[in-house]
Amino acid sequence: QVQIVESGGGLVQPGGSLRLACTVSGFTSDDYAIGWFRQAPGKEREGVSCIRSDDGHTFYRNSVKGRFTISRDSAMNTVYLQMDSLLPEDTAVYYCAVDSAGRAGSAGPLAPLFTWATDTMYDYWGQGTQVTVST
């Protein structure tokens, strides 16, 4: 049984930093991807970042490029999302998700957003962790 546990959310002032962690267990595959999504109140869920297991390629939506960094441990059991220079518009519930078929990002790092940020590509989802950026 696949289990996904997110941690690291909280309240931070604008310009501050948080690091989210996503620990995955009960899952075995040679080719998969792990993504971070977020959903703000009244808005649709959107892909934030993704990392692939095979080549380590990383992906970011434009609004977080240069501020967020996705990384993994050597076994890719845990994936991190380092969030710096946080803005009030980053406030959302952040979800970690696993694409067990390795479709997300398979078109390469220069491919459009929808090739990795489409939530229907992902099979397993965590419960989410709240990130609030406010004074």
Foldseek 3Di string as FASTA:
>chain_A
DKAKDKDWADEAAAQAKIKMKIAIPPDDDQWKKKWKWWDDPPGDIWTAKMAIRHPRDIEGDPVQPPFWDWDAPPVRRMIMIIGGSDDQVVWTWMKMFMQRVNQAQPVHHVDDPCSHIPCVSTDDMHPTDTHGHHD
